Protein backbone atom coordinates (compact mmCIF):
# COMPACT_ATOMS: atom_id res chain seq x y z
CA UNK A 1 -7.10 0.38 -32.38
CA UNK A 2 -8.23 2.20 -29.25
CA UNK A 3 -5.65 2.77 -26.54
CA UNK A 4 -6.88 2.02 -23.03
CA UNK A 5 -5.60 4.38 -20.36
CA UNK A 6 -4.20 3.14 -17.07
CA UNK A 7 -7.10 4.90 -15.35
CA UNK A 8 -9.57 2.93 -17.46
CA UNK A 9 -7.83 -0.30 -16.49
CA UNK A 10 -8.00 0.55 -12.78
CA UNK A 11 -11.80 0.70 -12.95
CA UNK A 12 -12.20 -2.53 -14.90
CA UNK A 13 -14.35 -5.12 -13.17
CA UNK A 14 -11.59 -7.75 -13.38
CA UNK A 15 -9.05 -5.54 -11.57
CA UNK A 16 -11.55 -4.42 -8.94
CA UNK A 17 -12.58 -8.02 -8.24
CA UNK A 18 -8.96 -9.18 -7.97
CA UNK A 19 -8.22 -6.21 -5.71
CA UNK A 20 -11.17 -7.20 -3.50
CA UNK A 21 -9.95 -10.80 -3.29
CA UNK A 22 -6.49 -9.60 -2.22
CA UNK A 23 -7.91 -7.19 0.37
CA UNK A 24 -10.26 -9.86 1.72
CA UNK A 25 -7.45 -12.42 2.00
CA UNK A 26 -5.23 -9.95 3.85
CA UNK A 27 -8.08 -9.03 6.21
CA UNK A 28 -8.88 -12.65 7.02
CA UNK A 29 -5.21 -13.19 7.90
CA UNK A 30 -5.20 -10.07 10.08
CA UNK A 31 -5.00 -10.35 13.87
CA UNK A 32 -7.49 -7.49 14.14
CA UNK A 33 -11.02 -8.64 14.91
CA UNK A 34 -12.25 -5.20 13.85
CA UNK A 35 -10.64 -5.56 10.41
CA UNK A 36 -12.15 -9.02 9.93
CA UNK A 37 -15.59 -7.82 11.02
CA UNK A 38 -15.42 -4.81 8.71
CA UNK A 39 -14.48 -6.97 5.69
CA UNK A 40 -17.17 -9.56 6.38
CA UNK A 41 -19.75 -6.75 6.67
CA UNK A 42 -18.51 -5.22 3.39
CA UNK A 43 -18.67 -8.61 1.69
CA UNK A 44 -22.41 -8.97 2.38
CA UNK A 45 -23.07 -6.47 -0.42
CA UNK A 46 -19.82 -6.83 -2.36
CA UNK A 47 -21.42 -6.61 -5.82
CA UNK A 48 -23.15 -3.34 -4.90
CA UNK A 49 -19.94 -1.93 -3.40
CA UNK A 50 -17.79 -2.84 -6.40
CA UNK A 51 -20.38 -1.40 -8.80
CA UNK A 52 -20.43 1.84 -6.78
CA UNK A 53 -16.64 2.07 -6.87
CA UNK A 54 -16.55 1.31 -10.61
CA UNK A 55 -19.26 3.89 -11.35
CA UNK A 56 -17.56 6.56 -9.26
CA UNK A 57 -14.25 5.89 -11.01
CA UNK A 58 -15.93 5.93 -14.44
CA UNK A 59 -17.59 9.26 -13.63
CA UNK A 60 -14.30 10.55 -12.17
CA UNK A 61 -15.94 11.37 -8.85
CA UNK A 62 -14.24 8.78 -6.66
CA UNK A 63 -12.42 10.41 -3.77
CA UNK A 64 -10.32 8.82 -1.08
CA UNK A 65 -11.70 9.16 2.43
CA UNK A 66 -9.64 10.20 5.44
CA UNK A 67 -7.77 7.22 6.86
CA UNK A 68 -7.79 6.26 10.53
CA UNK A 69 -4.65 6.37 12.61
CA UNK A 70 -4.05 3.50 15.04
CA UNK A 71 -1.24 2.37 17.30
CA UNK A 72 -0.24 -1.20 16.55
CA UNK A 73 0.80 -2.87 19.78
CA UNK A 74 3.88 -5.07 19.48
CA UNK A 75 5.14 -7.42 22.18
CA UNK A 76 8.35 -6.11 23.73
CA UNK A 77 8.43 -3.04 21.48
CA UNK A 78 6.98 0.44 21.38
CA UNK A 79 3.62 0.65 19.58
CA UNK A 80 3.94 1.52 15.90
CA UNK A 81 1.53 4.01 14.35
CA UNK A 82 -0.26 2.73 11.26
CA UNK A 83 -2.79 4.26 8.89
CA UNK A 84 -5.88 2.28 7.95
CA UNK A 85 -7.75 3.26 4.80
CA UNK A 86 -11.39 2.42 4.17
CA UNK A 87 -12.06 -0.87 2.40
CA UNK A 88 -13.19 0.98 -0.73
CA UNK A 89 -9.96 2.97 -0.76
CA UNK A 90 -7.88 -0.18 -0.24
CA UNK A 91 -9.65 -1.78 -3.21
CA UNK A 92 -8.89 1.20 -5.46
CA UNK A 93 -5.29 1.34 -4.22
CA UNK A 94 -4.85 -2.38 -4.85
CA UNK A 95 -6.40 -2.07 -8.30
CA UNK A 96 -3.88 0.68 -9.10
CA UNK A 97 -1.08 -1.62 -7.91
CA UNK A 98 -2.35 -4.49 -10.05
CA UNK A 99 -2.46 -2.27 -13.13
CA UNK A 100 1.03 -0.91 -12.47
CA UNK A 101 2.41 -4.42 -11.96
CA UNK A 102 1.23 -5.15 -15.49
CA UNK A 103 3.70 -2.62 -16.89
CA UNK A 104 6.94 -4.52 -17.63
CA UNK A 105 9.28 -1.72 -16.49
CA UNK A 106 7.42 -1.36 -13.17
CA UNK A 107 7.25 -5.13 -12.65
CA UNK A 108 11.00 -5.32 -13.29
CA UNK A 109 11.63 -2.79 -10.50
CA UNK A 110 9.37 -4.68 -8.10
CA UNK A 111 11.11 -7.96 -8.86
CA UNK A 112 14.65 -6.84 -8.04
CA UNK A 113 16.34 -9.77 -6.31
CA UNK A 114 17.43 -7.68 -3.35
CA UNK A 115 14.10 -5.99 -2.61
CA UNK A 116 12.18 -7.42 0.33
CA UNK A 117 9.75 -4.91 1.86
CA UNK A 118 6.17 -5.36 0.70
CA UNK A 119 7.18 -7.93 -1.92
CA UNK A 120 5.02 -11.08 -1.97
CA UNK A 121 6.80 -14.22 -0.79
CA UNK A 122 9.78 -12.22 0.51
CA UNK A 123 10.32 -11.19 4.07
CA UNK A 124 12.71 -10.66 6.94
CA UNK A 125 14.19 -14.18 6.75
CA UNK A 126 15.01 -13.68 3.07
CA UNK A 127 16.61 -10.29 3.76
CA UNK A 128 18.72 -11.73 6.59
CA UNK A 129 19.80 -14.67 4.41
CA UNK A 130 20.75 -12.27 1.58
CA UNK A 131 22.71 -10.03 3.99
CA UNK A 132 24.51 -13.08 5.39
CA UNK A 133 25.41 -14.28 1.89
CA UNK A 134 26.70 -10.83 0.96
CA UNK A 135 28.88 -10.68 4.08
CA UNK A 136 30.26 -14.16 3.39
CA UNK A 137 31.12 -13.02 -0.15
CA UNK A 138 33.06 -9.96 1.10
CA UNK A 139 30.15 -7.49 0.80
CA UNK A 140 30.86 -4.32 2.77
CA UNK A 141 27.92 -1.98 2.06
CA UNK A 142 24.16 -2.04 2.50
CA UNK A 143 21.27 0.31 1.93
CA UNK A 144 18.45 0.56 4.42
CA UNK A 145 15.38 2.46 3.34
CA UNK A 146 13.10 2.02 6.34
CA UNK A 147 12.26 5.29 8.01
CA UNK A 148 12.33 4.69 11.75
CA UNK A 149 9.32 6.21 13.50
CA UNK A 150 8.42 8.03 10.27
CA UNK A 151 4.83 8.78 11.21
CA UNK A 152 5.85 10.20 14.57
CA UNK A 153 8.48 12.55 13.13
CA UNK A 154 7.11 13.76 9.80
CA UNK A 155 5.87 17.36 10.06
CA UNK A 156 2.11 16.94 9.60
CA UNK A 157 1.49 20.45 8.24
CA UNK A 158 4.17 20.00 5.58
CA UNK A 159 2.94 16.54 4.58
CA UNK A 160 -0.60 17.82 4.18
CA UNK A 161 0.41 20.96 2.25
CA UNK A 162 -1.83 20.98 -0.80
CA UNK A 163 -0.65 24.14 -2.53
CA UNK A 164 1.95 22.27 -4.55
CA UNK A 165 4.65 24.51 -3.05
CA UNK A 166 6.40 23.27 0.08
CA UNK A 167 6.44 25.68 3.01
CA UNK A 168 9.52 27.90 3.42
CA UNK A 169 12.41 26.00 4.96
CA UNK A 170 10.83 22.61 4.26
CA UNK A 171 13.88 21.04 2.61
CA UNK A 172 16.22 22.31 5.33
CA UNK A 173 14.47 20.28 8.04
CA UNK A 174 15.19 16.96 6.38
């Protein structure tokens, strides 16, 4: 019986199509007209695009493109910097996520009852409700993993270091 690698699964047509459907659904729900326009334009030749992605993955020549940085305006708050990947890159990233979610030990980690960020059907209201319940049941500790203003404070040169060895003093700054 042949073992199929995770990489081989990522490039399967079924995963790429599901990834596209997820990306498309998120884009349609986006407030960004530019995002919607870009996805609708991509969709015109979706079969060609997915075949190109699949072929590039199969031939191990797919490479992620540079992402665009944007400031997301928020009413009553400071703008938040976000990074927007190309649609092709989002499809590959989503396909990777779908494959990883198929691994029971990974899925178990993603389905922890007290995880809320980026988890489908869980959000701020659920986190607040859980915190309230914990307080009412004598809970006294919490863990917050959000990194406030991360993209504005992370040292760009260190984050982009590709030598595999962090620059001298890197760990001391954090």
